[in-house]
Amino acid sequence: MVTPIWAVVVDGVPYVRSGYGTSSNWFRRARRDGRATFVDGRHRYPVAVEVVDDEATVDRVDDAYRTKYARYRGPLRGMLAPELRAFTMRVTPR
């Protein structure tokens, strides 16, 4: 199953955030396994993921979301909601 995600890069490091929190199958699976696969057309990119709990980093990820997704005001508000900040994940190629 493919799930579209919003991703940003902060200081050369990619981050994703689950807009559905723990109700999202991909997030629960990624959090449990510490890995995921991103798909872009026919290309597959296996990655390691880890939840970020450093408040300063999460703030910078918020800023990157505000910049990149400014035109999507409604959905952006949801992605910046305090309860979703806990679902910020750092992405590392495997």
PDB file of N, CA and C in Angstrom:
ATOM      1  N   MET A   1       0.837  -1.179   0.000  1.00  0.00           N
ATOM      2  CA  MET A   1       0.000   0.000   0.000  1.00  0.00           C
ATOM      3  C   MET A   1       0.886   1.248   0.000  1.00  0.00           C
ATOM      4  N   VAL A   2       0.549   2.225  -0.782  1.00  0.00           N
ATOM      5  CA  VAL A   2       1.308   3.462  -0.889  1.00  0.00           C
ATOM      6  C   VAL A   2       0.547   4.567  -0.164  1.00  0.00           C
ATOM      7  N   THR A   3       1.266   5.323   0.662  1.00  0.00           N
ATOM      8  CA  THR A   3       0.683   6.440   1.398  1.00  0.00           C
ATOM      9  C   THR A   3       1.460   7.704   1.078  1.00  0.00           C
ATOM     10  N   PRO A   4       0.813   8.720   0.518  1.00  0.00           N
ATOM     11  CA  PRO A   4       1.530   9.979   0.277  1.00  0.00           C
ATOM     12  C   PRO A   4       1.943  10.602   1.615  1.00  0.00           C
ATOM     13  N   ILE A   5       3.124  11.178   1.662  1.00  0.00           N
ATOM     14  CA  ILE A   5       3.591  11.827   2.892  1.00  0.00           C
ATOM     15  C   ILE A   5       4.153  13.197   2.576  1.00  0.00           C
ATOM     16  N   TRP A   6       4.211  14.019   3.587  1.00  0.00           N
ATOM     17  CA  TRP A   6       4.866  15.318   3.491  1.00  0.00           C
ATOM     18  C   TRP A   6       6.244  15.170   4.119  1.00  0.00           C
ATOM     19  N   ALA A   7       7.245  15.585   3.406  1.00  0.00           N
ATOM     20  CA  ALA A   7       8.618  15.481   3.898  1.00  0.00           C
ATOM     21  C   ALA A   7       9.292  16.837   3.786  1.00  0.00           C
ATOM     22  N   VAL A   8      10.224  17.090   4.683  1.00  0.00           N
ATOM     23  CA  VAL A   8      11.033  18.310   4.638  1.00  0.00           C
ATOM     24  C   VAL A   8      12.476  17.939   4.932  1.00  0.00           C
ATOM     25  N   VAL A   9      13.368  18.857   4.610  1.00  0.00           N
ATOM     26  CA  VAL A   9      14.793  18.667   4.882  1.00  0.00           C
ATOM     27  C   VAL A   9      15.268  19.828   5.736  1.00  0.00           C
ATOM     28  N   VAL A  10      15.952  19.502   6.834  1.00  0.00           N
ATOM     29  CA  VAL A  10      16.517  20.502   7.733  1.00  0.00           C
ATOM     30  C   VAL A  10      18.008  20.194   7.870  1.00  0.00           C
ATOM     31  N   ASP A  11      18.848  21.135   7.461  1.00  0.00           N
ATOM     32  CA  ASP A  11      20.306  20.950   7.509  1.00  0.00           C
ATOM     33  C   ASP A  11      20.740  19.649   6.834  1.00  0.00           C
ATOM     34  N   GLY A  12      20.132  19.354   5.682  1.00  0.00           N
ATOM     35  CA  GLY A  12      20.512  18.186   4.910  1.00  0.00           C
ATOM     36  C   GLY A  12      19.933  16.874   5.401  1.00  0.00           C
ATOM     37  N   VAL A  13      19.110  16.912   6.450  1.00  0.00           N
ATOM     38  CA  VAL A  13      18.525  15.700   7.014  1.00  0.00           C
ATOM     39  C   VAL A  13      17.022  15.688   6.712  1.00  0.00           C
ATOM     40  N   PRO A  14      16.515  14.604   6.100  1.00  0.00           N
ATOM     41  CA  PRO A  14      15.084  14.533   5.816  1.00  0.00           C
ATOM     42  C   PRO A  14      14.267  14.115   7.049  1.00  0.00           C
ATOM     43  N   TYR A  15      13.051  14.679   7.121  1.00  0.00           N
ATOM     44  CA  TYR A  15      12.102  14.365   8.193  1.00  0.00           C
ATOM     45  C   TYR A  15      10.732  14.164   7.584  1.00  0.00           C
ATOM     46  N   VAL A  16       9.940  13.303   8.207  1.00  0.00           N
ATOM     47  CA  VAL A  16       8.537  13.123   7.851  1.00  0.00           C
ATOM     48  C   VAL A  16       7.741  13.180   9.143  1.00  0.00           C
ATOM     49  N   ARG A  17       6.456  13.430   8.977  1.00  0.00           N
ATOM     50  CA  ARG A  17       5.564  13.483  10.146  1.00  0.00           C
ATOM     51  C   ARG A  17       4.270  12.801   9.754  1.00  0.00           C
ATOM     52  N   SER A  18       3.755  11.989  10.644  1.00  0.00           N
ATOM     53  CA  SER A  18       2.491  11.313  10.398  1.00  0.00           C
ATOM     54  C   SER A  18       1.333  12.247  10.715  1.00  0.00           C
ATOM     55  N   GLY A  19       0.538  12.556   9.702  1.00  0.00           N
ATOM     56  CA  GLY A  19      -0.629  13.400   9.897  1.00  0.00           C
ATOM     57  C   GLY A  19      -1.762  12.686  10.604  1.00  0.00           C
ATOM     58  N   TYR A  20      -1.685  11.369  10.712  1.00  0.00           N
ATOM     59  CA  TYR A  20      -2.734  10.588  11.362  1.00  0.00           C
ATOM     60  C   TYR A  20      -2.258   9.944  12.656  1.00  0.00           C
ATOM     61  N   GLY A  21      -1.017  10.258  13.046  1.00  0.00           N
ATOM     62  CA  GLY A  21      -0.508   9.726  14.302  1.00  0.00           C
ATOM     63  C   GLY A  21      -0.519   8.214  14.338  1.00  0.00           C
ATOM     64  N   THR A  22      -0.850   7.676  15.498  1.00  0.00           N
ATOM     65  CA  THR A  22      -0.798   6.231  15.686  1.00  0.00           C
ATOM     66  C   THR A  22      -1.933   5.496  14.981  1.00  0.00           C
ATOM     67  N   SER A  23      -2.887   6.227  14.412  1.00  0.00           N
ATOM     68  CA  SER A  23      -3.936   5.544  13.635  1.00  0.00           C
ATOM     69  C   SER A  23      -3.457   5.202  12.228  1.00  0.00           C
ATOM     70  N   SER A  24      -2.273   5.667  11.872  1.00  0.00           N
ATOM     71  CA  SER A  24      -1.700   5.397  10.556  1.00  0.00           C
ATOM     72  C   SER A  24      -0.918   4.086  10.581  1.00  0.00           C
ATOM     73  N   ASN A  25      -1.286   3.173   9.689  1.00  0.00           N
ATOM     74  CA  ASN A  25      -0.586   1.878   9.619  1.00  0.00           C
ATOM     75  C   ASN A  25       0.897   2.042   9.318  1.00  0.00           C
ATOM     76  N   TRP A  26       1.252   2.898   8.348  1.00  0.00           N
ATOM     77  CA  TRP A  26       2.667   3.035   7.986  1.00  0.00           C
ATOM     78  C   TRP A  26       3.464   3.569   9.165  1.00  0.00           C
ATOM     79  N   PHE A  27       2.877   4.505   9.938  1.00  0.00           N
ATOM     80  CA  PHE A  27       3.607   5.070  11.069  1.00  0.00           C
ATOM     81  C   PHE A  27       3.817   4.019  12.150  1.00  0.00           C
ATOM     82  N   ARG A  28       2.789   3.272  12.480  1.00  0.00           N
ATOM     83  CA  ARG A  28       2.938   2.219  13.499  1.00  0.00           C
ATOM     84  C   ARG A  28       3.989   1.199  13.073  1.00  0.00           C
ATOM     85  N   ARG A  29       3.940   0.811  11.799  1.00  0.00           N
ATOM     86  CA  ARG A  29       4.896  -0.170  11.280  1.00  0.00           C
ATOM     87  C   ARG A  29       6.319   0.410  11.287  1.00  0.00           C
ATOM     88  N   ALA A  30       6.468   1.637  10.823  1.00  0.00           N
ATOM     89  CA  ALA A  30       7.793   2.264  10.785  1.00  0.00           C
ATOM     90  C   ALA A  30       8.347   2.452  12.188  1.00  0.00           C
ATOM     91  N   ARG A  31       7.503   2.862  13.098  1.00  0.00           N
ATOM     92  CA  ARG A  31       7.943   3.070  14.483  1.00  0.00           C
ATOM     93  C   ARG A  31       8.358   1.745  15.122  1.00  0.00           C
ATOM     94  N   ARG A  32       7.593   0.713  14.859  1.00  0.00           N
ATOM     95  CA  ARG A  32       7.892  -0.611  15.419  1.00  0.00           C
ATOM     96  C   ARG A  32       9.182  -1.177  14.826  1.00  0.00           C
ATOM     97  N   ASP A  33       9.317  -1.108  13.490  1.00  0.00           N
ATOM     98  CA  ASP A  33      10.440  -1.730  12.789  1.00  0.00           C
ATOM     99  C   ASP A  33      11.666  -0.834  12.662  1.00  0.00           C
ATOM    100  N   GLY A  34      11.453   0.494  12.769  1.00  0.00           N
ATOM    101  CA  GLY A  34      12.565   1.420  12.571  1.00  0.00           C
ATOM    102  C   GLY A  34      12.983   1.546  11.116  1.00  0.00           C
ATOM    103  N   ARG A  35      12.094   1.140  10.214  1.00  0.00           N
ATOM    104  CA  ARG A  35      12.421   1.231   8.789  1.00  0.00           C
ATOM    105  C   ARG A  35      11.157   1.410   7.960  1.00  0.00           C
ATOM    106  N   ALA A  36      11.362   1.863   6.743  1.00  0.00           N
ATOM    107  CA  ALA A  36      10.265   2.072   5.795  1.00  0.00           C
ATOM    108  C   ALA A  36      10.862   2.044   4.397  1.00  0.00           C
ATOM    109  N   THR A  37      10.005   2.085   3.397  1.00  0.00           N
ATOM    110  CA  THR A  37      10.450   2.189   2.012  1.00  0.00           C
ATOM    111  C   THR A  37       9.656   3.304   1.353  1.00  0.00           C
ATOM    112  N   PHE A  38      10.358   4.268   0.782  1.00  0.00           N
ATOM    113  CA  PHE A  38       9.716   5.343   0.036  1.00  0.00           C
ATOM    114  C   PHE A  38       9.710   4.934  -1.431  1.00  0.00           C
ATOM    115  N   VAL A  39       8.610   5.224  -2.104  1.00  0.00           N
ATOM    116  CA  VAL A  39       8.458   4.859  -3.500  1.00  0.00           C
ATOM    117  C   VAL A  39       8.204   6.120  -4.307  1.00  0.00           C
ATOM    118  N   ASP A  40       8.970   6.270  -5.379  1.00  0.00           N
ATOM    119  CA  ASP A  40       8.808   7.386  -6.309  1.00  0.00           C
ATOM    120  C   ASP A  40       8.752   6.772  -7.704  1.00  0.00           C
ATOM    121  N   GLY A  41       7.539   6.588  -8.186  1.00  0.00           N
ATOM    122  CA  GLY A  41       7.398   5.907  -9.469  1.00  0.00           C
ATOM    123  C   GLY A  41       7.872   4.480  -9.346  1.00  0.00           C
ATOM    124  N   ARG A  42       8.845   4.099 -10.174  1.00  0.00           N
ATOM    125  CA  ARG A  42       9.387   2.739 -10.127  1.00  0.00           C
ATOM    126  C   ARG A  42      10.570   2.611  -9.176  1.00  0.00           C
ATOM    127  N   HIS A  43      10.998   3.706  -8.594  1.00  0.00           N
ATOM    128  CA  HIS A  43      12.158   3.692  -7.693  1.00  0.00           C
ATOM    129  C   HIS A  43      11.715   3.450  -6.251  1.00  0.00           C
ATOM    130  N   ARG A  44      12.458   2.595  -5.559  1.00  0.00           N
ATOM    131  CA  ARG A  44      12.190   2.288  -4.156  1.00  0.00           C
ATOM    132  C   ARG A  44      13.412   2.680  -3.340  1.00  0.00           C
ATOM    133  N   TYR A  45      13.168   3.317  -2.219  1.00  0.00           N
ATOM    134  CA  TYR A  45      14.243   3.801  -1.358  1.00  0.00           C
ATOM    135  C   TYR A  45      14.040   3.276   0.061  1.00  0.00           C
ATOM    136  N   PRO A  46      14.765   2.233   0.441  1.00  0.00           N
ATOM    137  CA  PRO A  46      14.658   1.741   1.810  1.00  0.00           C
ATOM    138  C   PRO A  46      15.343   2.726   2.768  1.00  0.00           C
ATOM    139  N   VAL A  47      14.687   3.002   3.884  1.00  0.00           N
ATOM    140  CA  VAL A  47      15.211   3.967   4.849  1.00  0.00           C
ATOM    141  C   VAL A  47      15.047   3.450   6.268  1.00  0.00           C
ATOM    142  N   ALA A  48      15.861   3.989   7.153  1.00  0.00           N
ATOM    143  CA  ALA A  48      15.679   3.807   8.592  1.00  0.00           C
ATOM    144  C   ALA A  48      14.968   5.062   9.093  1.00  0.00           C
ATOM    145  N   VAL A  49      14.102   4.902  10.077  1.00  0.00           N
ATOM    146  CA  VAL A  49      13.378   6.039  10.650  1.00  0.00           C
ATOM    147  C   VAL A  49      13.462   5.976  12.169  1.00  0.00           C
ATOM    148  N   GLU A  50      13.502   7.153  12.775  1.00  0.00           N
ATOM    149  CA  GLU A  50      13.486   7.213  14.231  1.00  0.00           C
ATOM    150  C   GLU A  50      12.698   8.445  14.666  1.00  0.00           C
ATOM    151  N   VAL A  51      11.911   8.272  15.712  1.00  0.00           N
ATOM    152  CA  VAL A  51      11.127   9.379  16.244  1.00  0.00           C
ATOM    153  C   VAL A  51      12.069  10.395  16.869  1.00  0.00           C
ATOM    154  N   VAL A  52      11.813  11.661  16.592  1.00  0.00           N
ATOM    155  CA  VAL A  52      12.631  12.760  17.108  1.00  0.00           C
ATOM    156  C   VAL A  52      11.900  13.377  18.294  1.00  0.00           C
ATOM    157  N   ASP A  53      12.571  13.458  19.436  1.00  0.00           N
ATOM    158  CA  ASP A  53      11.938  14.065  20.602  1.00  0.00           C
ATOM    159  C   ASP A  53      12.654  15.324  21.080  1.00  0.00           C
ATOM    160  N   ASP A  54      13.673  15.744  20.339  1.00  0.00           N
ATOM    161  CA  ASP A  54      14.397  16.967  20.662  1.00  0.00           C
ATOM    162  C   ASP A  54      13.552  18.172  20.237  1.00  0.00           C
ATOM    163  N   GLU A  55      13.104  18.970  21.183  1.00  0.00           N
ATOM    164  CA  GLU A  55      12.185  20.069  20.916  1.00  0.00           C
ATOM    165  C   GLU A  55      12.744  21.084  19.921  1.00  0.00           C
ATOM    166  N   ALA A  56      14.027  21.390  20.000  1.00  0.00           N
ATOM    167  CA  ALA A  56      14.628  22.361  19.076  1.00  0.00           C
ATOM    168  C   ALA A  56      14.579  21.841  17.637  1.00  0.00           C
ATOM    169  N   THR A  57      14.849  20.563  17.455  1.00  0.00           N
ATOM    170  CA  THR A  57      14.788  19.975  16.118  1.00  0.00           C
ATOM    171  C   THR A  57      13.356  19.964  15.605  1.00  0.00           C
ATOM    172  N   VAL A  58      12.414  19.587  16.457  1.00  0.00           N
ATOM    173  CA  VAL A  58      11.008  19.552  16.046  1.00  0.00           C
ATOM    174  C   VAL A  58      10.544  20.962  15.658  1.00  0.00           C
ATOM    175  N   ASP A  59      10.994  21.981  16.392  1.00  0.00           N
ATOM    176  CA  ASP A  59      10.668  23.373  16.032  1.00  0.00           C
ATOM    177  C   ASP A  59      11.202  23.720  14.643  1.00  0.00           C
ATOM    178  N   ARG A  60      12.410  23.277  14.336  1.00  0.00           N
ATOM    179  CA  ARG A  60      13.002  23.568  13.026  1.00  0.00           C
ATOM    180  C   ARG A  60      12.281  22.811  11.915  1.00  0.00           C
ATOM    181  N   VAL A  61      11.811  21.612  12.221  1.00  0.00           N
ATOM    182  CA  VAL A  61      11.006  20.861  11.258  1.00  0.00           C
ATOM    183  C   VAL A  61       9.694  21.609  11.005  1.00  0.00           C
ATOM    184  N   ASP A  62       9.075  22.133  12.064  1.00  0.00           N
ATOM    185  CA  ASP A  62       7.865  22.952  11.898  1.00  0.00           C
ATOM    186  C   ASP A  62       8.128  24.112  10.941  1.00  0.00           C
ATOM    187  N   ASP A  63       9.235  24.808  11.151  1.00  0.00           N
ATOM    188  CA  ASP A  63       9.575  25.950  10.282  1.00  0.00           C
ATOM    189  C   ASP A  63       9.726  25.510   8.829  1.00  0.00           C
ATOM    190  N   ALA A  64      10.357  24.358   8.624  1.00  0.00           N
ATOM    191  CA  ALA A  64      10.535  23.847   7.260  1.00  0.00           C
ATOM    192  C   ALA A  64       9.182  23.504   6.631  1.00  0.00           C
ATOM    193  N   TYR A  65       8.274  22.934   7.415  1.00  0.00           N
ATOM    194  CA  TYR A  65       6.921  22.665   6.907  1.00  0.00           C
ATOM    195  C   TYR A  65       6.219  23.966   6.535  1.00  0.00           C
ATOM    196  N   ARG A  66       6.323  24.973   7.384  1.00  0.00           N
ATOM    197  CA  ARG A  66       5.683  26.270   7.096  1.00  0.00           C
ATOM    198  C   ARG A  66       6.186  26.856   5.779  1.00  0.00           C
ATOM    199  N   THR A  67       7.468  26.738   5.548  1.00  0.00           N
ATOM    200  CA  THR A  67       8.065  27.285   4.328  1.00  0.00           C
ATOM    201  C   THR A  67       7.650  26.481   3.098  1.00  0.00           C
ATOM    202  N   LYS A  68       7.826  25.173   3.161  1.00  0.00           N
ATOM    203  CA  LYS A  68       7.587  24.329   1.982  1.00  0.00           C
ATOM    204  C   LYS A  68       6.108  24.211   1.625  1.00  0.00           C
ATOM    205  N   TYR A  69       5.243  24.145   2.627  1.00  0.00           N
ATOM    206  CA  TYR A  69       3.829  23.858   2.378  1.00  0.00           C
ATOM    207  C   TYR A  69       2.916  25.042   2.691  1.00  0.00           C
ATOM    208  N   ALA A  70       3.422  26.250   2.610  1.00  0.00           N
ATOM    209  CA  ALA A  70       2.650  27.451   2.954  1.00  0.00           C
ATOM    210  C   ALA A  70       1.337  27.549   2.184  1.00  0.00           C
ATOM    211  N   ARG A  71       1.323  27.103   0.945  1.00  0.00           N
ATOM    212  CA  ARG A  71       0.107  27.244   0.125  1.00  0.00           C
ATOM    213  C   ARG A  71      -1.000  26.276   0.531  1.00  0.00           C
ATOM    214  N   TYR A  72      -0.707  25.294   1.366  1.00  0.00           N
ATOM    215  CA  TYR A  72      -1.698  24.321   1.829  1.00  0.00           C
ATOM    216  C   TYR A  72      -2.119  24.650   3.265  1.00  0.00           C
ATOM    217  N   ARG A  73      -2.713  25.797   3.457  1.00  0.00           N
ATOM    218  CA  ARG A  73      -2.982  26.331   4.800  1.00  0.00           C
ATOM    219  C   ARG A  73      -3.753  25.382   5.712  1.00  0.00           C
ATOM    220  N   GLY A  74      -4.853  24.835   5.236  1.00  0.00           N
ATOM    221  CA  GLY A  74      -5.656  23.950   6.093  1.00  0.00           C
ATOM    222  C   GLY A  74      -4.893  22.717   6.533  1.00  0.00           C
ATOM    223  N   PRO A  75      -4.404  21.916   5.583  1.00  0.00           N
ATOM    224  CA  PRO A  75      -3.638  20.725   5.972  1.00  0.00           C
ATOM    225  C   PRO A  75      -2.373  21.071   6.767  1.00  0.00           C
ATOM    226  N   LEU A  76      -1.750  22.202   6.441  1.00  0.00           N
ATOM    227  CA  LEU A  76      -0.535  22.597   7.161  1.00  0.00           C
ATOM    228  C   LEU A  76      -0.833  22.823   8.637  1.00  0.00           C
ATOM    229  N   ARG A  77      -1.956  23.461   8.943  1.00  0.00           N
ATOM    230  CA  ARG A  77      -2.315  23.670  10.355  1.00  0.00           C
ATOM    231  C   ARG A  77      -2.371  22.340  11.087  1.00  0.00           C
ATOM    232  N   GLY A  78      -2.934  21.327  10.422  1.00  0.00           N
ATOM    233  CA  GLY A  78      -2.994  20.008  11.042  1.00  0.00           C
ATOM    234  C   GLY A  78      -1.618  19.424  11.291  1.00  0.00           C
ATOM    235  N   MET A  79      -0.717  19.562  10.324  1.00  0.00           N
ATOM    236  CA  MET A  79       0.630  19.011  10.468  1.00  0.00           C
ATOM    237  C   MET A  79       1.437  19.709  11.558  1.00  0.00           C
ATOM    238  N   LEU A  80       1.048  20.939  11.894  1.00  0.00           N
ATOM    239  CA  LEU A  80       1.763  21.699  12.928  1.00  0.00           C
ATOM    240  C   LEU A  80       1.093  21.612  14.291  1.00  0.00           C
ATOM    241  N   ALA A  81      -0.001  20.868  14.383  1.00  0.00           N
ATOM    242  CA  ALA A  81      -0.727  20.741  15.646  1.00  0.00           C
ATOM    243  C   ALA A  81       0.170  20.113  16.710  1.00  0.00           C
ATOM    244  N   PRO A  82       0.051  20.579  17.936  1.00  0.00           N
ATOM    245  CA  PRO A  82       0.913  20.063  19.015  1.00  0.00           C
ATOM    246  C   PRO A  82       0.891  18.535  19.134  1.00  0.00           C
ATOM    247  N   GLU A  83      -0.267  17.917  18.957  1.00  0.00           N
ATOM    248  CA  GLU A  83      -0.337  16.465  19.119  1.00  0.00           C
ATOM    249  C   GLU A  83       0.379  15.715  18.001  1.00  0.00           C
ATOM    250  N   LEU A  84       0.560  16.342  16.823  1.00  0.00           N
ATOM    251  CA  LEU A  84       1.259  15.671  15.722  1.00  0.00           C
ATOM    252  C   LEU A  84       2.773  15.868  15.766  1.00  0.00           C
ATOM    253  N   ARG A  85       3.211  16.866  16.510  1.00  0.00           N
ATOM    254  CA  ARG A  85       4.658  17.098  16.620  1.00  0.00           C
ATOM    255  C   ARG A  85       5.376  15.863  17.167  1.00  0.00           C
ATOM    256  N   ALA A  86       4.688  15.092  18.003  1.00  0.00           N
ATOM    257  CA  ALA A  86       5.284  13.888  18.593  1.00  0.00           C
ATOM    258  C   ALA A  86       5.520  12.792  17.557  1.00  0.00           C
ATOM    259  N   PHE A  87       4.989  12.962  16.354  1.00  0.00           N
ATOM    260  CA  PHE A  87       5.124  11.954  15.306  1.00  0.00           C
ATOM    261  C   PHE A  87       6.153  12.354  14.255  1.00  0.00           C
ATOM    262  N   THR A  88       7.084  13.219  14.613  1.00  0.00           N
ATOM    263  CA  THR A  88       8.161  13.641  13.725  1.00  0.00           C
ATOM    264  C   THR A  88       9.223  12.541  13.679  1.00  0.00           C
ATOM    265  N   MET A  89       9.616  12.148  12.464  1.00  0.00           N
ATOM    266  CA  MET A  89      10.600  11.085  12.309  1.00  0.00           C
ATOM    267  C   MET A  89      11.760  11.521  11.411  1.00  0.00           C
ATOM    268  N   ARG A  90      12.964  11.232  11.849  1.00  0.00           N
ATOM    269  CA  ARG A  90      14.180  11.466  11.057  1.00  0.00           C
ATOM    270  C   ARG A  90      14.350  10.283  10.115  1.00  0.00           C
ATOM    271  N   VAL A  91      14.741  10.582   8.884  1.00  0.00           N
ATOM    272  CA  VAL A  91      14.888   9.555   7.852  1.00  0.00           C
ATOM    273  C   VAL A  91      16.367   9.420   7.479  1.00  0.00           C
ATOM    274  N   THR A  92      16.842   8.185   7.447  1.00  0.00           N
ATOM    275  CA  THR A  92      18.229   7.905   7.076  1.00  0.00           C
ATOM    276  C   THR A  92      18.246   6.803   6.024  1.00  0.00           C
ATOM    277  N   PRO A  93      18.957   6.978   4.907  1.00  0.00           N
ATOM    278  CA  PRO A  93      19.025   5.911   3.897  1.00  0.00           C
ATOM    279  C   PRO A  93      19.587   4.628   4.509  1.00  0.00           C
ATOM    280  N   ARG A  94      19.081   3.482   4.035  1.00  0.00           N
ATOM    281  CA  ARG A  94      19.601   2.161   4.473  1.00  0.00           C
ATOM    282  C   ARG A  94      20.449   1.586   3.369  1.00  0.00           C
TER     283      ARG A  94
END
